[in-house]
Protein backbone atom coordinates (compact mmCIF):
# COMPACT_ATOMS: atom_id res chain seq x y z
CA MET A 1 -5.10 -4.89 -20.93
CA GLY A 2 -3.57 -7.08 -19.12
CA LEU A 3 -0.60 -5.25 -18.76
CA GLY A 4 -2.33 -2.11 -17.96
CA LEU A 5 -3.87 -4.02 -15.47
CA GLY A 6 -0.61 -5.24 -14.23
CA ILE A 7 0.63 -2.08 -14.03
CA ALA A 8 -2.01 -0.30 -12.08
CA GLY A 9 -2.35 -3.79 -9.66
CA ALA A 10 1.65 -2.47 -8.98
CA ILE A 11 0.99 1.08 -8.23
CA ALA A 12 -2.34 0.20 -6.02
CA LEU A 13 0.47 -1.75 -4.00
CA ALA A 14 2.35 0.86 -2.78
CA VAL A 15 -0.22 3.70 -2.92
CA GLY A 16 -2.34 2.04 -0.06
CA ILE A 17 0.30 2.14 2.43
CA VAL A 18 1.36 5.57 1.67
CA VAL A 19 -2.18 6.99 1.97
CA GLY A 20 -3.00 5.02 4.79
CA HIS A 21 -0.12 6.60 6.51
CA LEU A 22 -1.10 10.15 5.48
CA ALA A 23 -4.78 9.23 6.78
CA ASP A 24 -3.07 8.65 10.18
CA VAL A 25 -1.27 11.82 10.22
CA CYS A 26 -3.77 14.14 8.66
CA GLY A 27 -7.19 12.77 9.35
CA ALA A 28 -8.99 10.20 7.64
CA ARG A 29 -11.99 11.74 6.79
CA GLY A 30 -10.64 14.36 4.35
CA VAL A 31 -8.39 12.00 3.04
CA TYR A 32 -10.81 9.04 2.38
CA ALA A 33 -13.09 11.87 0.50
CA ALA A 34 -10.45 12.83 -1.93
CA THR A 35 -10.28 9.33 -2.85
CA LEU A 36 -13.64 9.19 -3.92
CA VAL A 37 -13.64 12.59 -5.80
CA VAL A 38 -10.24 10.84 -7.89
CA GLN A 39 -12.06 7.65 -8.11
CA ALA A 40 -15.17 9.47 -10.03
CA LEU A 41 -13.09 11.41 -12.38
CA ALA A 42 -10.82 8.48 -13.18
CA THR A 43 -13.82 6.24 -13.64
CA ALA A 44 -14.97 9.35 -16.05
CA GLY A 45 -11.53 9.31 -17.76
CA PHE A 46 -11.93 5.97 -19.42
CA LEU A 47 -14.64 7.67 -21.52
CA LEU A 48 -11.59 9.36 -23.10
CA ALA A 49 -9.15 6.17 -22.97
CA ASP A 50 -9.07 5.29 -26.93
CA GLY A 51 -5.44 4.75 -26.82
CA PHE A 52 -2.93 2.63 -24.80
CA TRP A 53 -1.32 5.14 -22.18
CA LEU A 54 -4.58 7.14 -22.03
CA PHE A 55 -5.74 3.75 -21.00
CA VAL A 56 -3.08 3.00 -18.26
CA LEU A 57 -3.29 6.39 -17.12
CA ALA A 58 -7.08 5.99 -16.42
CA VAL A 59 -6.66 2.49 -14.73
CA CYS A 60 -3.69 3.28 -12.69
CA ALA A 61 -5.51 6.23 -11.43
CA THR A 62 -8.84 4.50 -10.40
CA ALA A 63 -6.66 1.34 -8.89
CA GLY A 64 -4.81 3.62 -7.42
CA ALA A 65 -7.83 5.51 -5.37
CA LYS A 66 -9.15 2.39 -4.65
CA ALA A 67 -6.61 0.97 -2.80
CA ALA A 68 -6.28 4.25 -0.95
CA GLY A 69 -9.91 4.76 0.01
CA LEU A 70 -9.84 1.49 1.66
CA ALA A 71 -6.44 2.37 3.48
CA ALA A 72 -8.03 5.65 4.31
CA ARG A 73 -11.68 3.92 5.37
CA SER A 74 -10.19 2.49 8.01
CA PRO A 75 -9.54 4.68 10.51
CA LEU A 76 -13.09 6.00 10.15
CA ILE A 77 -14.41 2.17 10.49
CA ARG A 78 -12.01 1.55 13.41
CA HIS A 79 -13.51 5.05 15.21
CA TYR A 80 -17.42 4.77 14.12
CA GLY A 81 -17.16 0.71 15.11
CA GLY A 82 -20.65 0.69 16.63
CA ASP A 83 -20.68 -1.97 19.64
CA ARG A 84 -16.86 -1.20 19.50
CA PRO A 85 -15.80 1.94 19.05
CA GLN A 86 -12.04 2.81 19.56
CA GLU A 87 -10.78 6.23 19.99
CA PHE A 88 -9.18 7.60 16.62
CA ARG A 89 -6.51 10.11 17.30
CA PRO A 90 -4.20 11.75 14.36
CA VAL A 91 -0.83 11.34 16.14
CA VAL A 92 1.64 8.99 14.82
CA ALA A 93 3.31 7.56 18.22
CA GLY A 94 6.68 5.12 17.56
CA PRO A 95 8.86 4.88 14.48
CA ARG A 96 7.64 5.79 11.24
CA TRP A 97 6.16 2.50 8.84
CA SER A 98 5.74 0.60 11.81
CA ALA A 99 3.60 -2.06 9.59
CA LEU A 100 6.13 -2.66 7.91
CA ARG A 101 8.48 -3.67 10.40
CA ASP A 102 5.59 -6.14 12.29
CA GLY A 103 6.84 -9.76 11.67
CA PRO A 104 3.57 -10.91 12.94
CA TYR A 105 1.60 -8.53 11.21
CA ILE A 106 3.74 -8.96 8.08
CA LEU A 107 2.79 -12.54 8.40
CA LEU A 108 -0.99 -12.41 8.72
CA THR A 109 -0.53 -10.31 5.57
CA ALA A 110 0.94 -13.12 3.46
CA LEU A 111 -1.33 -15.02 5.26
CA ASP A 112 -4.39 -13.60 3.92
CA GLY A 113 -2.98 -12.75 0.82
CA ILE A 114 -2.76 -16.50 -0.06
CA MET A 115 -6.48 -17.14 1.10
CA ALA A 116 -7.69 -14.25 -1.00
CA ILE A 117 -6.78 -16.25 -3.83
CA GLN A 118 -10.03 -17.98 -3.25
CA PHE A 119 -11.84 -14.75 -4.63
CA LYS A 120 -11.12 -15.92 -7.98
CA VAL A 121 -11.95 -19.46 -7.73
CA LEU A 122 -15.41 -18.36 -8.14
CA THR A 123 -14.86 -15.67 -10.86
CA VAL A 124 -11.83 -16.77 -13.11
CA ALA A 125 -11.41 -20.79 -12.24
CA ILE A 126 -15.11 -22.45 -12.06
CA PRO A 127 -16.17 -20.55 -15.51
CA LEU A 128 -12.99 -21.74 -17.03
CA TRP A 129 -13.39 -25.63 -15.62
CA LEU A 130 -16.88 -25.52 -16.17
CA VAL A 131 -16.60 -24.67 -19.73
CA GLY A 132 -13.66 -26.54 -20.79
CA ALA A 133 -13.45 -29.33 -18.82
CA THR A 134 -17.24 -30.21 -18.04
CA SER A 135 -20.10 -31.34 -19.60
CA ALA A 136 -22.68 -28.78 -17.26
CA PRO A 137 -24.27 -26.27 -19.45
CA HIS A 138 -22.66 -22.68 -19.98
CA TRP A 139 -25.65 -21.06 -18.69
CA LEU A 140 -24.79 -22.08 -15.16
CA ILE A 141 -21.51 -19.89 -15.08
CA SER A 142 -24.19 -17.16 -13.92
CA GLY A 143 -25.87 -19.71 -11.98
CA THR A 144 -22.66 -20.17 -9.77
CA MET A 145 -21.95 -16.56 -9.13
CA LEU A 146 -25.07 -16.00 -8.64
CA THR A 147 -25.58 -18.89 -5.70
CA GLY A 148 -22.41 -17.47 -4.02
CA THR A 149 -23.76 -13.54 -4.23
CA VAL A 150 -26.89 -14.20 -2.57
CA ILE A 151 -25.86 -16.45 0.36
CA VAL A 152 -22.90 -13.70 1.03
CA VAL A 153 -25.77 -11.04 0.70
CA ALA A 154 -28.03 -13.02 3.37
CA CYS A 155 -25.23 -14.70 5.41
CA GLN A 156 -22.64 -12.58 5.72
CA VAL A 157 -23.86 -10.69 8.85
CA ARG A 158 -25.13 -14.14 10.92
CA ALA A 159 -21.62 -15.75 9.99
CA SER A 160 -19.68 -13.07 11.23
CA ARG A 161 -21.16 -12.26 14.08
CA SER A 162 -19.42 -15.16 16.47
CA ILE A 163 -16.30 -13.77 14.84
CA ASP A 164 -15.36 -10.71 17.82
CA SER A 165 -11.77 -11.72 19.00
CA PRO A 166 -8.25 -12.18 17.22
CA LYS A 167 -8.80 -16.34 18.46
CA ALA A 168 -11.85 -16.51 16.68
CA GLY A 169 -10.57 -15.13 13.72
CA GLY A 170 -7.69 -17.45 13.42
CA ASN A 171 -10.13 -20.49 14.08
CA ALA A 172 -12.57 -19.11 11.37
CA TYR A 173 -9.39 -19.26 8.77
CA ARG A 174 -8.92 -22.72 9.77
CA ARG A 175 -12.80 -23.15 9.03
CA ALA A 176 -12.29 -21.63 6.01
CA GLY A 177 -9.54 -23.43 4.41
CA VAL A 178 -10.92 -26.76 5.26
CA ALA A 179 -14.55 -25.61 3.38
CA PHE A 180 -12.03 -24.50 0.28
CA LEU A 181 -10.24 -27.67 0.18
CA VAL A 182 -13.62 -29.76 0.63
CA SER A 183 -15.29 -27.18 -2.82
CA CYS A 184 -12.10 -28.08 -4.93
CA SER A 185 -12.01 -31.25 -4.64
CA MET A 186 -16.10 -31.33 -5.92
CA ILE A 187 -15.33 -28.98 -8.16
CA SER A 188 -12.67 -30.92 -9.39
CA LEU A 189 -15.01 -34.45 -9.51
CA ALA A 190 -17.51 -32.45 -12.25
CA ALA A 191 -15.36 -33.56 -14.83
CA GLY A 192 -16.23 -36.52 -16.75
CA VAL A 193 -19.67 -37.23 -15.41
CA PRO A 194 -23.24 -36.26 -16.98
CA ALA A 195 -24.20 -32.57 -17.33
CA TRP A 196 -26.93 -33.34 -14.40
CA ALA A 197 -24.42 -35.02 -12.01
CA ALA A 198 -21.55 -32.33 -13.04
CA ALA A 199 -24.46 -29.34 -12.05
CA MET A 200 -25.17 -30.76 -9.14
CA LEU A 201 -21.27 -30.77 -7.72
CA LEU A 202 -20.45 -27.46 -8.87
CA ILE A 203 -23.43 -26.00 -7.19
CA THR A 204 -22.96 -27.79 -4.03
CA ALA A 205 -19.06 -27.17 -4.11
CA VAL A 206 -20.16 -23.07 -5.14
CA VAL A 207 -22.17 -22.74 -1.53
CA ILE A 208 -19.54 -24.77 0.57
CA HIS A 209 -17.05 -22.18 -1.15
CA THR A 210 -18.99 -19.68 -0.48
CA VAL A 211 -19.24 -20.11 3.12
CA GLY A 212 -15.85 -20.45 3.63
CA GLU A 213 -15.63 -16.76 1.96
CA LEU A 214 -17.64 -15.47 4.33
CA TRP A 215 -15.20 -17.21 7.18
CA HIS A 216 -12.38 -16.11 5.69
CA SER A 217 -13.76 -12.09 5.23
CA ALA A 218 -15.01 -11.69 8.42
CA ALA A 219 -11.39 -13.24 10.06
CA GLY A 220 -9.38 -11.17 8.06
CA PHE A 221 -11.39 -7.82 8.69
CA GLU A 222 -11.29 -9.01 12.85
CA VAL A 223 -7.60 -9.75 12.92
CA SER A 224 -6.44 -7.40 10.66
CA PHE A 225 -8.49 -4.42 12.64
CA ALA A 226 -7.66 -5.92 16.34
CA LEU A 227 -3.91 -6.39 15.80
CA ALA A 228 -3.28 -3.26 14.20
CA PRO A 229 -2.11 -0.46 17.22
CA GLN A 230 -4.95 2.62 17.11
CA HIS A 231 -2.42 5.38 16.34
CA ALA A 232 -1.29 3.97 12.79
CA THR A 233 -4.80 2.26 11.85
CA GLY A 234 -4.58 3.42 8.16
CA GLN A 235 -0.86 2.64 8.12
CA TYR A 236 -1.57 -1.14 9.26
CA LEU A 237 -4.55 -1.68 7.29
CA GLY A 238 -2.75 -0.17 4.00
CA VAL A 239 -0.17 -2.93 4.49
CA PHE A 240 -2.65 -6.17 5.48
CA GLY A 241 -3.98 -5.07 2.22
CA LEU A 242 -1.02 -5.71 -0.18
CA GLY A 243 -2.23 -9.82 0.36
CA ALA A 244 -5.70 -9.03 -1.01
CA GLY A 245 -3.48 -7.01 -4.17
CA LEU A 246 -1.01 -9.76 -4.70
CA ALA A 247 -4.08 -12.20 -4.66
CA GLU A 248 -5.82 -10.10 -7.26
CA ALA A 249 -2.97 -9.54 -9.37
CA LEU A 250 -1.08 -13.01 -9.46
CA GLY A 251 -4.09 -15.48 -8.22
CA PRO A 252 -5.71 -15.69 -11.95
CA GLY A 253 -2.26 -16.76 -13.57
CA LEU A 254 -2.05 -19.16 -10.59
CA LEU A 255 -5.18 -21.13 -10.88
CA ILE A 256 -4.91 -21.03 -14.31
CA ALA A 257 -1.90 -23.00 -14.72
CA LEU A 258 -2.60 -25.46 -11.80
CA CYS A 259 -6.44 -25.99 -11.98
CA ILE A 260 -7.15 -25.63 -15.99
CA THR A 261 -3.98 -26.24 -17.75
CA TRP A 262 -2.93 -29.07 -15.14
CA GLY A 263 -6.35 -30.20 -14.88
CA ARG A 264 -7.73 -32.26 -11.65
CA PRO A 265 -4.80 -32.55 -9.58
CA GLY A 266 -4.14 -28.81 -9.93
CA TRP A 267 -7.48 -28.79 -7.59
CA TYR A 268 -6.58 -30.71 -5.31
CA VAL A 269 -3.25 -28.74 -4.95
CA VAL A 270 -5.12 -25.32 -4.51
CA GLY A 271 -7.12 -26.90 -2.14
CA ALA A 272 -4.43 -28.19 0.16
CA MET A 273 -2.91 -24.67 -0.15
CA PHE A 274 -5.73 -23.18 1.28
CA ALA A 275 -5.79 -25.80 3.98
CA LEU A 276 -2.87 -25.33 5.36
CA THR A 277 -2.65 -21.15 5.11
CA GLY A 278 -5.75 -21.70 7.43
CA LEU A 279 -3.85 -24.34 9.82
CA VAL A 280 -1.15 -21.94 10.22
CA ALA A 281 -3.20 -18.94 10.98
CA PRO A 282 -4.44 -19.61 14.43
CA LEU A 283 -0.54 -19.98 15.55
CA ALA A 284 0.32 -16.71 13.04
CA VAL A 285 -2.65 -14.64 15.18
CA ARG A 286 -1.17 -16.06 18.51
CA TRP A 287 2.13 -15.04 17.68
CA ALA A 288 0.54 -10.91 16.81
CA GLN A 289 -1.21 -11.08 19.97
CA ARG A 290 2.00 -11.69 22.20
CA SER A 291 4.15 -9.16 19.90
CA GLN A 292 1.09 -6.63 20.46
CA HIS A 293 1.05 -7.27 24.04
CA THR A 294 4.93 -6.64 24.19
CA ARG A 295 4.24 -3.37 22.48
CA GLN A 296 1.94 -1.96 24.27
CA ILE A 297 3.83 -2.75 27.68
CA HIS A 298 6.74 -1.18 26.18
CA LEU A 299 4.21 1.68 24.97
CA GLU A 300 3.15 2.31 28.34
CA ALA A 301 6.60 2.26 30.29
CA ARG A 302 7.93 4.90 27.75
CA GLU A 303 4.83 7.12 28.55
CA GLU A 304 5.60 6.51 32.03
CA VAL A 305 9.23 7.87 31.65
CA GLN A 306 7.96 10.89 29.86
CA ALA A 307 5.44 11.50 32.26
CA ALA A 308 7.65 11.56 35.12
C-alpha cells in the first residue's frame, strides 16, 4: 500500500501542472467537470482492486484526478471570487509553462510545502506520540482530531477575513510558524508526565496548532492567487500545489523520523523548521510582488508596441 500510494503521489505532482495549463487554454469549467467524473469512476474502481497492480491503477487515477481537479478549479475560484472577482480569459499570453520560470513563485511554493507538513502533525505525529511516549488515554487521539476539526469549521472564515493581501498573507505565515513552534514544544512536554497533565498539554497544543493551521491555509490561498497572473491561474496554482503534494508524500516519514524515532529533541527541530519558514515567507512575498510588478510593466509595454 505504501508503494502504491508513493507512486500515485509522484504521478499527481505532474498531473496538476499539466491539467492546470489545460484549464487555462481550454476553459476551466469543462476540465474541472471531467476531473470530477474521473474521480468518481476511479473511486468506484477500488471495488475491483483485488491485487497490487489494480490497486496502483485505482489509486493513481484517484490521486491524479484529485490533483488535476484542484488545479482546474483554481481559475473558476478566481473568476467567481465574490467580493474580488477577476476576469478570466482562456488565452495564455507569454511563454508556455511560465510558472516554472517564476523564481519567486517557486520559492513561495517550496516554503508553503515545508509549512504544509504541519497537516501531518495532527494526523500522524500526535497519534503515534500519544500512544508511544505519553500516558494519556488512547481515546484522546479522537479527541484531538475532533477538537481541531471543530475549530476549523467554526473559525476559518473569521481567521481568514483580515488576510486580504499578499503582505497580510506573508504576516500570517509568520504567525503560523510561531504557533507551530509553541505547539510542537508543548507536545514534546507531554512525555513523562501524569496522564491528566499529558492530556491537558496535548489538547492545548492542538488548539494552538489549529489556529496556526487556519493562518497558514488562509495565507497560502491568498498569496497563491494574488501572485498568479490572470491568464495562467490554473498553471500557477498547479505549480503551487506541488508544495502540498511533496508534503503529503514526504511529511509522514520526516515527522516519524524526527518526532517519534528521535523523540523530544525532534519536536523542537520540527517547531524551529516551521518558525524559520514563517520568518522567511514575508521576504519571499515581497520579492514575488516586485517580480509581479516588473512582469506587469513588461506586459503592458508589449501590448502598447503591438497596438502601435
